[in-house]
């Protein structure tokens, strides 16, 4: 009897894992689940992360979101010191009058401290990857090119 129970549990776990993989890879399933969750239609799948209509509401373009997802994927192996994440977390927290205000802001954005730390770490990984790519590129800009750019974009330099 116990053996049968454990075999059924194992079968259920394997079935769940297979169904999860199907849902993650299947754009139609992701679209349906996105609509059921209130995110709207699936706009794009980038490295198995969905971009939905609700993601486009703040004025961000589909192309920008796809580029950001690609950077997230490319930066996944970058390491970020815990002290850097702690510092950024403390800087965000210091913007609030007290702990209650900070916790209230987290709750109103459906965040928990651990989620905020994960977001900070992900952003730091992305920035570190971008910095590493830019720092290895040799960029030679002459004084004349700088002056021409300044003259063409004077309104930006205030």
N, C-alpha and C. Protein backbone atom coordinates (compact mmCIF):
# COMPACT_ATOMS: atom_id res chain seq x y z
N UNK A 1 0.82 -1.18 0.00
CA UNK A 1 0.00 0.00 0.00
C UNK A 1 0.87 1.26 0.00
N UNK A 2 1.91 1.27 0.87
CA UNK A 2 2.80 2.42 0.92
C UNK A 2 3.58 2.56 -0.37
N UNK A 3 4.01 1.45 -0.94
CA UNK A 3 4.76 1.48 -2.18
C UNK A 3 3.90 2.09 -3.29
N UNK A 4 2.65 1.72 -3.34
CA UNK A 4 1.74 2.25 -4.36
C UNK A 4 1.58 3.77 -4.18
N UNK A 5 1.45 4.21 -2.95
CA UNK A 5 1.32 5.64 -2.65
C UNK A 5 2.55 6.40 -3.15
N UNK A 6 3.74 5.90 -2.82
CA UNK A 6 4.97 6.58 -3.21
C UNK A 6 5.18 6.54 -4.72
N UNK A 7 4.74 5.48 -5.36
CA UNK A 7 4.83 5.42 -6.82
C UNK A 7 3.90 6.46 -7.45
N UNK A 8 2.71 6.62 -6.89
CA UNK A 8 1.77 7.63 -7.39
C UNK A 8 2.33 9.04 -7.16
N UNK A 9 2.96 9.25 -6.01
CA UNK A 9 3.56 10.56 -5.74
C UNK A 9 4.69 10.85 -6.72
N UNK A 10 5.53 9.86 -6.99
CA UNK A 10 6.62 10.04 -7.93
C UNK A 10 6.08 10.33 -9.33
N UNK A 11 5.06 9.61 -9.73
CA UNK A 11 4.44 9.83 -11.04
C UNK A 11 3.85 11.23 -11.12
N UNK A 12 3.21 11.69 -10.05
CA UNK A 12 2.63 13.04 -10.02
C UNK A 12 3.73 14.10 -10.14
N UNK A 13 4.85 13.90 -9.47
CA UNK A 13 5.96 14.85 -9.53
C UNK A 13 6.55 14.90 -10.94
N UNK A 14 6.75 13.75 -11.54
CA UNK A 14 7.30 13.69 -12.90
C UNK A 14 6.33 14.35 -13.88
N UNK A 15 5.04 14.07 -13.73
CA UNK A 15 4.03 14.68 -14.60
C UNK A 15 4.02 16.19 -14.44
N UNK A 16 4.13 16.66 -13.21
CA UNK A 16 4.17 18.10 -12.95
C UNK A 16 5.38 18.76 -13.59
N UNK A 17 6.52 18.11 -13.50
CA UNK A 17 7.74 18.67 -14.10
C UNK A 17 7.61 18.73 -15.62
N UNK A 18 7.06 17.68 -16.21
CA UNK A 18 6.87 17.67 -17.66
C UNK A 18 5.87 18.74 -18.09
N UNK A 19 4.79 18.89 -17.34
CA UNK A 19 3.79 19.91 -17.65
C UNK A 19 4.39 21.30 -17.52
N UNK A 20 5.23 21.51 -16.52
CA UNK A 20 5.89 22.80 -16.34
C UNK A 20 6.74 23.14 -17.55
N UNK A 21 7.52 22.18 -18.02
CA UNK A 21 8.36 22.41 -19.19
C UNK A 21 7.52 22.72 -20.42
N UNK A 22 6.40 22.03 -20.56
CA UNK A 22 5.51 22.29 -21.69
C UNK A 22 4.98 23.71 -21.63
N UNK A 23 4.53 24.12 -20.46
CA UNK A 23 3.96 25.46 -20.30
C UNK A 23 5.02 26.53 -20.54
N UNK A 24 6.22 26.33 -20.04
CA UNK A 24 7.28 27.33 -20.20
C UNK A 24 7.65 27.50 -21.67
N UNK A 25 7.69 26.42 -22.41
CA UNK A 25 8.12 26.47 -23.81
C UNK A 25 6.98 26.80 -24.78
N UNK A 26 5.76 26.61 -24.38
CA UNK A 26 4.61 26.77 -25.27
C UNK A 26 4.07 28.20 -25.21
N UNK A 27 4.22 28.92 -26.32
CA UNK A 27 3.76 30.31 -26.36
C UNK A 27 2.25 30.41 -26.17
N UNK A 28 1.50 29.46 -26.70
CA UNK A 28 0.04 29.49 -26.56
C UNK A 28 -0.35 29.35 -25.10
N UNK A 29 0.29 28.43 -24.38
CA UNK A 29 0.01 28.24 -22.95
C UNK A 29 0.37 29.49 -22.17
N UNK A 30 1.52 30.08 -22.47
CA UNK A 30 1.95 31.28 -21.78
C UNK A 30 0.98 32.43 -22.04
N UNK A 31 0.48 32.52 -23.28
CA UNK A 31 -0.48 33.57 -23.62
C UNK A 31 -1.77 33.41 -22.81
N UNK A 32 -2.27 32.19 -22.75
CA UNK A 32 -3.50 31.93 -22.00
C UNK A 32 -3.30 32.23 -20.51
N UNK A 33 -2.19 31.76 -19.95
CA UNK A 33 -1.92 32.01 -18.53
C UNK A 33 -1.71 33.50 -18.25
N UNK A 34 -1.09 34.20 -19.18
CA UNK A 34 -0.90 35.65 -19.02
C UNK A 34 -2.22 36.39 -19.00
N UNK A 35 -3.14 35.99 -19.88
CA UNK A 35 -4.46 36.62 -19.90
C UNK A 35 -5.23 36.29 -18.63
N UNK A 36 -5.14 35.04 -18.17
CA UNK A 36 -5.83 34.65 -16.94
C UNK A 36 -5.29 35.41 -15.72
N UNK A 37 -3.99 35.70 -15.74
CA UNK A 37 -3.37 36.41 -14.62
C UNK A 37 -3.54 37.92 -14.72
N UNK A 38 -4.16 38.40 -15.81
CA UNK A 38 -4.41 39.82 -15.95
C UNK A 38 -3.27 40.60 -16.57
N UNK A 39 -2.33 39.92 -17.22
CA UNK A 39 -1.19 40.60 -17.84
C UNK A 39 -1.44 40.89 -19.31
N UNK A 40 -2.53 40.43 -19.87
CA UNK A 40 -2.81 40.63 -21.28
C UNK A 40 -2.15 39.55 -22.12
N UNK A 41 -2.13 39.80 -23.42
CA UNK A 41 -1.56 38.82 -24.36
C UNK A 41 -0.04 38.79 -24.25
N UNK A 42 0.51 37.64 -24.58
CA UNK A 42 1.96 37.47 -24.66
C UNK A 42 2.45 38.21 -25.90
N UNK A 43 3.42 39.10 -25.72
CA UNK A 43 3.96 39.88 -26.83
C UNK A 43 5.22 39.21 -27.38
N UNK A 44 6.05 38.67 -26.47
CA UNK A 44 7.30 38.03 -26.89
C UNK A 44 7.77 37.08 -25.79
N UNK A 45 8.50 36.05 -26.21
CA UNK A 45 9.17 35.14 -25.29
C UNK A 45 10.67 35.29 -25.54
N UNK A 46 11.40 35.68 -24.50
CA UNK A 46 12.84 35.88 -24.63
C UNK A 46 13.52 35.05 -23.56
N UNK A 47 14.27 34.05 -23.98
CA UNK A 47 14.97 33.15 -23.06
C UNK A 47 14.01 32.63 -22.00
N UNK A 48 12.84 32.19 -22.43
CA UNK A 48 11.79 31.59 -21.62
C UNK A 48 11.16 32.56 -20.62
N UNK A 49 11.36 33.84 -20.80
CA UNK A 49 10.70 34.86 -19.98
C UNK A 49 9.71 35.59 -20.86
N UNK A 50 8.48 35.69 -20.38
CA UNK A 50 7.44 36.31 -21.16
C UNK A 50 7.39 37.81 -21.01
N UNK A 51 7.07 38.47 -22.12
CA UNK A 51 6.79 39.90 -22.13
C UNK A 51 5.33 40.04 -22.52
N UNK A 52 4.56 40.70 -21.66
CA UNK A 52 3.11 40.79 -21.85
C UNK A 52 2.68 42.23 -22.12
N UNK A 53 1.43 42.38 -22.58
CA UNK A 53 0.89 43.70 -22.87
C UNK A 53 0.99 44.64 -21.67
N UNK A 54 0.80 44.11 -20.47
CA UNK A 54 0.88 44.96 -19.27
C UNK A 54 2.28 45.54 -19.08
N UNK A 55 3.30 44.87 -19.60
CA UNK A 55 4.67 45.38 -19.49
C UNK A 55 4.89 46.61 -20.37
N UNK A 56 4.04 46.79 -21.38
CA UNK A 56 4.19 47.89 -22.33
C UNK A 56 3.44 49.14 -21.90
N UNK A 57 2.67 49.07 -20.82
CA UNK A 57 1.81 50.18 -20.43
C UNK A 57 2.57 51.41 -19.93
N UNK A 58 3.77 51.26 -19.44
CA UNK A 58 4.50 52.42 -18.90
C UNK A 58 5.31 53.15 -19.97
N UNK A 59 5.06 52.86 -21.23
CA UNK A 59 5.75 53.56 -22.31
C UNK A 59 6.99 52.87 -22.82
N UNK A 60 7.36 51.76 -22.22
CA UNK A 60 8.52 51.00 -22.69
C UNK A 60 8.14 50.24 -23.94
N UNK A 61 9.01 50.25 -24.93
CA UNK A 61 8.71 49.55 -26.18
C UNK A 61 9.04 48.07 -26.06
N UNK A 62 8.45 47.30 -26.95
CA UNK A 62 8.72 45.86 -26.99
C UNK A 62 10.21 45.62 -27.23
N UNK A 63 10.82 46.40 -28.10
CA UNK A 63 12.23 46.23 -28.42
C UNK A 63 13.12 46.49 -27.19
N UNK A 64 12.75 47.52 -26.39
CA UNK A 64 13.52 47.80 -25.18
C UNK A 64 13.42 46.65 -24.18
N UNK A 65 12.23 46.09 -24.04
CA UNK A 65 12.04 44.97 -23.12
C UNK A 65 12.79 43.73 -23.59
N UNK A 66 12.80 43.50 -24.88
CA UNK A 66 13.55 42.35 -25.43
C UNK A 66 15.04 42.55 -25.19
N UNK A 67 15.53 43.76 -25.44
CA UNK A 67 16.95 44.05 -25.20
C UNK A 67 17.30 43.85 -23.73
N UNK A 68 16.42 44.32 -22.83
CA UNK A 68 16.67 44.16 -21.39
C UNK A 68 16.70 42.68 -21.01
N UNK A 69 15.79 41.88 -21.56
CA UNK A 69 15.78 40.45 -21.26
C UNK A 69 17.05 39.78 -21.78
N UNK A 70 17.52 40.21 -22.94
CA UNK A 70 18.77 39.65 -23.46
C UNK A 70 19.95 40.00 -22.56
N UNK A 71 19.99 41.22 -22.05
CA UNK A 71 21.05 41.61 -21.12
C UNK A 71 20.95 40.78 -19.84
N UNK A 72 19.72 40.58 -19.32
CA UNK A 72 19.54 39.74 -18.13
C UNK A 72 20.12 38.36 -18.37
N UNK A 73 19.83 37.81 -19.53
CA UNK A 73 20.29 36.45 -19.85
C UNK A 73 21.81 36.42 -19.98
N UNK A 74 22.37 37.41 -20.68
CA UNK A 74 23.82 37.44 -20.89
C UNK A 74 24.59 37.70 -19.60
N UNK A 75 23.97 38.41 -18.66
CA UNK A 75 24.67 38.78 -17.42
C UNK A 75 24.46 37.76 -16.30
N UNK A 76 23.82 36.66 -16.59
CA UNK A 76 23.45 35.71 -15.54
C UNK A 76 24.64 35.13 -14.78
N UNK A 77 25.83 35.14 -15.37
CA UNK A 77 27.01 34.57 -14.70
C UNK A 77 27.88 35.62 -14.02
N UNK A 78 27.47 36.89 -14.10
CA UNK A 78 28.23 37.95 -13.44
C UNK A 78 28.06 37.83 -11.93
N UNK A 79 29.11 38.12 -11.20
CA UNK A 79 29.01 38.08 -9.74
C UNK A 79 28.90 39.51 -9.20
N UNK A 80 28.10 39.66 -8.17
CA UNK A 80 27.91 40.96 -7.54
C UNK A 80 28.21 40.80 -6.05
N UNK A 81 29.10 41.60 -5.51
CA UNK A 81 29.40 41.50 -4.08
C UNK A 81 28.16 41.79 -3.23
N UNK A 82 27.97 41.00 -2.19
CA UNK A 82 26.83 41.18 -1.29
C UNK A 82 26.84 42.58 -0.68
N UNK A 83 28.04 43.11 -0.42
CA UNK A 83 28.15 44.44 0.18
C UNK A 83 27.56 45.51 -0.75
N UNK A 84 27.71 45.32 -2.04
CA UNK A 84 27.16 46.28 -2.99
C UNK A 84 25.63 46.25 -2.97
N UNK A 85 25.07 45.05 -2.91
CA UNK A 85 23.61 44.90 -2.83
C UNK A 85 23.11 45.49 -1.52
N UNK A 86 23.81 45.21 -0.42
CA UNK A 86 23.43 45.75 0.88
C UNK A 86 23.44 47.28 0.87
N UNK A 87 24.47 47.86 0.25
CA UNK A 87 24.59 49.31 0.18
C UNK A 87 23.42 49.92 -0.59
N UNK A 88 23.10 49.34 -1.75
CA UNK A 88 21.98 49.86 -2.55
C UNK A 88 20.65 49.70 -1.82
N UNK A 89 20.48 48.57 -1.15
CA UNK A 89 19.26 48.32 -0.37
C UNK A 89 19.13 49.38 0.73
N UNK A 90 20.23 49.64 1.43
CA UNK A 90 20.21 50.63 2.51
C UNK A 90 19.94 52.04 1.98
N UNK A 91 20.47 52.35 0.79
CA UNK A 91 20.20 53.66 0.18
C UNK A 91 18.73 53.83 -0.14
N UNK A 92 18.10 52.78 -0.65
CA UNK A 92 16.66 52.84 -0.94
C UNK A 92 15.88 52.98 0.36
N UNK A 93 16.25 52.19 1.35
CA UNK A 93 15.56 52.21 2.64
C UNK A 93 15.69 53.57 3.32
N UNK A 94 16.83 54.23 3.16
CA UNK A 94 17.08 55.52 3.81
C UNK A 94 16.21 56.64 3.25
N UNK A 95 15.57 56.41 2.12
CA UNK A 95 14.70 57.43 1.53
C UNK A 95 13.37 57.54 2.27
N UNK A 96 13.11 56.64 3.19
CA UNK A 96 11.85 56.63 3.93
C UNK A 96 12.08 57.13 5.34
N UNK A 97 11.05 57.74 5.90
CA UNK A 97 11.15 58.33 7.23
C UNK A 97 11.42 57.28 8.30
N UNK A 98 10.72 56.15 8.18
CA UNK A 98 10.89 55.10 9.19
C UNK A 98 10.67 53.73 8.55
N UNK A 99 10.85 52.72 9.37
CA UNK A 99 10.71 51.33 8.91
C UNK A 99 9.29 51.06 8.42
N UNK A 100 8.29 51.61 9.10
CA UNK A 100 6.90 51.38 8.69
C UNK A 100 6.63 51.94 7.30
N UNK A 101 7.17 53.11 7.00
CA UNK A 101 7.00 53.70 5.66
C UNK A 101 7.65 52.84 4.60
N UNK A 102 8.83 52.34 4.91
CA UNK A 102 9.55 51.47 3.97
C UNK A 102 8.78 50.18 3.72
N UNK A 103 8.32 49.53 4.79
CA UNK A 103 7.57 48.28 4.66
C UNK A 103 6.26 48.52 3.92
N UNK A 104 5.62 49.64 4.17
CA UNK A 104 4.37 49.99 3.48
C UNK A 104 4.61 50.15 1.98
N UNK A 105 5.71 50.82 1.62
CA UNK A 105 6.04 50.99 0.21
C UNK A 105 6.33 49.65 -0.45
N UNK A 106 7.02 48.78 0.25
CA UNK A 106 7.28 47.44 -0.30
C UNK A 106 5.97 46.70 -0.55
N UNK A 107 5.07 46.71 0.45
CA UNK A 107 3.80 46.01 0.31
C UNK A 107 2.96 46.58 -0.83
N UNK A 108 2.95 47.90 -0.97
CA UNK A 108 2.12 48.51 -2.01
C UNK A 108 2.64 48.18 -3.41
N UNK A 109 3.90 47.77 -3.51
CA UNK A 109 4.48 47.36 -4.79
C UNK A 109 4.61 45.85 -4.90
N UNK A 110 3.93 45.14 -4.00
CA UNK A 110 3.95 43.67 -3.97
C UNK A 110 5.37 43.13 -3.89
N UNK A 111 6.19 43.76 -3.06
CA UNK A 111 7.57 43.33 -2.87
C UNK A 111 7.81 42.96 -1.41
N UNK A 112 8.78 42.10 -1.22
CA UNK A 112 9.29 41.75 0.10
C UNK A 112 10.77 42.11 0.07
N UNK A 113 11.39 42.30 1.23
CA UNK A 113 12.81 42.67 1.23
C UNK A 113 13.68 41.73 0.40
N UNK A 114 13.44 40.45 0.46
CA UNK A 114 14.25 39.50 -0.31
C UNK A 114 14.05 39.71 -1.82
N UNK A 115 12.84 40.06 -2.23
CA UNK A 115 12.57 40.33 -3.65
C UNK A 115 13.27 41.60 -4.10
N UNK A 116 13.23 42.63 -3.26
CA UNK A 116 13.92 43.88 -3.58
C UNK A 116 15.42 43.64 -3.72
N UNK A 117 15.98 42.86 -2.81
CA UNK A 117 17.41 42.53 -2.91
C UNK A 117 17.72 41.78 -4.20
N UNK A 118 16.84 40.87 -4.60
CA UNK A 118 17.04 40.12 -5.85
C UNK A 118 16.99 41.06 -7.05
N UNK A 119 16.07 42.02 -7.03
CA UNK A 119 15.98 43.01 -8.12
C UNK A 119 17.25 43.85 -8.19
N UNK A 120 17.73 44.28 -7.03
CA UNK A 120 18.95 45.08 -6.98
C UNK A 120 20.12 44.27 -7.53
N UNK A 121 20.22 43.01 -7.11
CA UNK A 121 21.32 42.16 -7.58
C UNK A 121 21.24 41.96 -9.09
N UNK A 122 20.03 41.76 -9.61
CA UNK A 122 19.87 41.56 -11.06
C UNK A 122 20.29 42.82 -11.82
N UNK A 123 19.89 43.98 -11.33
CA UNK A 123 20.28 45.23 -11.99
C UNK A 123 21.78 45.43 -11.92
N UNK A 124 22.37 45.13 -10.78
CA UNK A 124 23.82 45.26 -10.65
C UNK A 124 24.56 44.30 -11.58
N UNK A 125 24.05 43.07 -11.72
CA UNK A 125 24.65 42.10 -12.65
C UNK A 125 24.59 42.64 -14.07
N UNK A 126 23.42 43.19 -14.45
CA UNK A 126 23.26 43.75 -15.80
C UNK A 126 24.26 44.88 -16.03
N UNK A 127 24.35 45.79 -15.06
CA UNK A 127 25.27 46.93 -15.21
C UNK A 127 26.72 46.47 -15.27
N UNK A 128 27.05 45.49 -14.46
CA UNK A 128 28.43 44.98 -14.47
C UNK A 128 28.76 44.36 -15.83
N UNK A 129 27.82 43.59 -16.40
CA UNK A 129 28.05 42.98 -17.72
C UNK A 129 28.22 44.07 -18.77
N UNK A 130 27.35 45.09 -18.74
CA UNK A 130 27.45 46.18 -19.72
C UNK A 130 28.78 46.92 -19.55
N UNK A 131 29.15 47.23 -18.32
CA UNK A 131 30.43 47.91 -18.06
C UNK A 131 31.60 47.10 -18.58
N UNK A 132 31.58 45.79 -18.35
CA UNK A 132 32.67 44.92 -18.83
C UNK A 132 32.74 44.92 -20.35
N UNK A 133 31.61 44.95 -21.01
CA UNK A 133 31.61 44.96 -22.48
C UNK A 133 32.10 46.29 -23.01
N UNK A 134 31.70 47.37 -22.36
CA UNK A 134 32.12 48.70 -22.82
C UNK A 134 33.59 48.93 -22.52
N UNK A 135 34.05 48.51 -21.35
CA UNK A 135 35.43 48.77 -20.96
C UNK A 135 36.43 48.02 -21.84
N UNK A 136 36.02 46.91 -22.43
CA UNK A 136 36.93 46.17 -23.30
C UNK A 136 36.96 46.74 -24.71
N UNK A 137 35.99 47.56 -25.04
CA UNK A 137 35.96 48.17 -26.38
C UNK A 137 36.83 49.42 -26.37
N UNK A 138 37.59 49.58 -27.42
CA UNK A 138 38.43 50.76 -27.55
C UNK A 138 37.63 51.82 -28.30
N UNK A 139 37.43 52.95 -27.63
CA UNK A 139 36.64 54.02 -28.23
C UNK A 139 37.56 55.22 -28.40
N UNK A 140 37.78 55.58 -29.63
CA UNK A 140 38.61 56.74 -29.93
C UNK A 140 37.73 57.84 -30.49
N UNK A 141 37.65 58.93 -29.76
CA UNK A 141 36.85 60.07 -30.19
C UNK A 141 37.75 61.29 -30.18
N UNK A 142 37.77 62.00 -31.29
CA UNK A 142 38.62 63.19 -31.39
C UNK A 142 37.92 64.39 -30.76
N UNK A 143 38.71 65.43 -30.51
CA UNK A 143 38.14 66.67 -29.96
C UNK A 143 37.14 67.28 -30.94
N UNK A 144 37.42 67.19 -32.22
CA UNK A 144 36.50 67.74 -33.22
C UNK A 144 35.16 67.00 -33.20
N UNK A 145 35.19 65.67 -33.05
CA UNK A 145 33.94 64.91 -32.98
C UNK A 145 33.13 65.28 -31.74
N UNK A 146 33.83 65.49 -30.63
CA UNK A 146 33.15 65.91 -29.40
C UNK A 146 32.50 67.28 -29.60
N UNK A 147 33.23 68.20 -30.20
CA UNK A 147 32.72 69.54 -30.43
C UNK A 147 31.51 69.50 -31.38
N UNK A 148 31.59 68.69 -32.43
CA UNK A 148 30.47 68.58 -33.38
C UNK A 148 29.23 68.00 -32.68
N UNK A 149 29.43 67.02 -31.84
CA UNK A 149 28.30 66.44 -31.12
C UNK A 149 27.68 67.47 -30.18
N UNK A 150 28.54 68.22 -29.49
CA UNK A 150 28.05 69.24 -28.57
C UNK A 150 27.24 70.29 -29.34
N UNK A 151 27.75 70.76 -30.45
CA UNK A 151 27.06 71.78 -31.24
C UNK A 151 25.71 71.26 -31.75
N UNK A 152 25.66 70.01 -32.12
CA UNK A 152 24.41 69.42 -32.64
C UNK A 152 23.38 69.16 -31.55
N UNK A 153 23.84 69.07 -30.30
CA UNK A 153 22.94 68.73 -29.19
C UNK A 153 23.05 69.72 -28.02
N UNK A 154 23.23 70.98 -28.33
CA UNK A 154 23.41 72.00 -27.28
C UNK A 154 22.27 72.01 -26.26
N UNK A 155 21.05 71.78 -26.74
CA UNK A 155 19.88 71.84 -25.85
C UNK A 155 19.93 70.77 -24.76
N UNK A 156 20.67 69.70 -24.98
CA UNK A 156 20.77 68.62 -23.99
C UNK A 156 21.74 69.02 -22.86
N UNK A 157 22.71 69.85 -23.17
CA UNK A 157 23.75 70.25 -22.21
C UNK A 157 23.36 71.57 -21.57
N UNK A 158 22.68 71.49 -20.44
CA UNK A 158 22.25 72.69 -19.74
C UNK A 158 22.96 72.77 -18.40
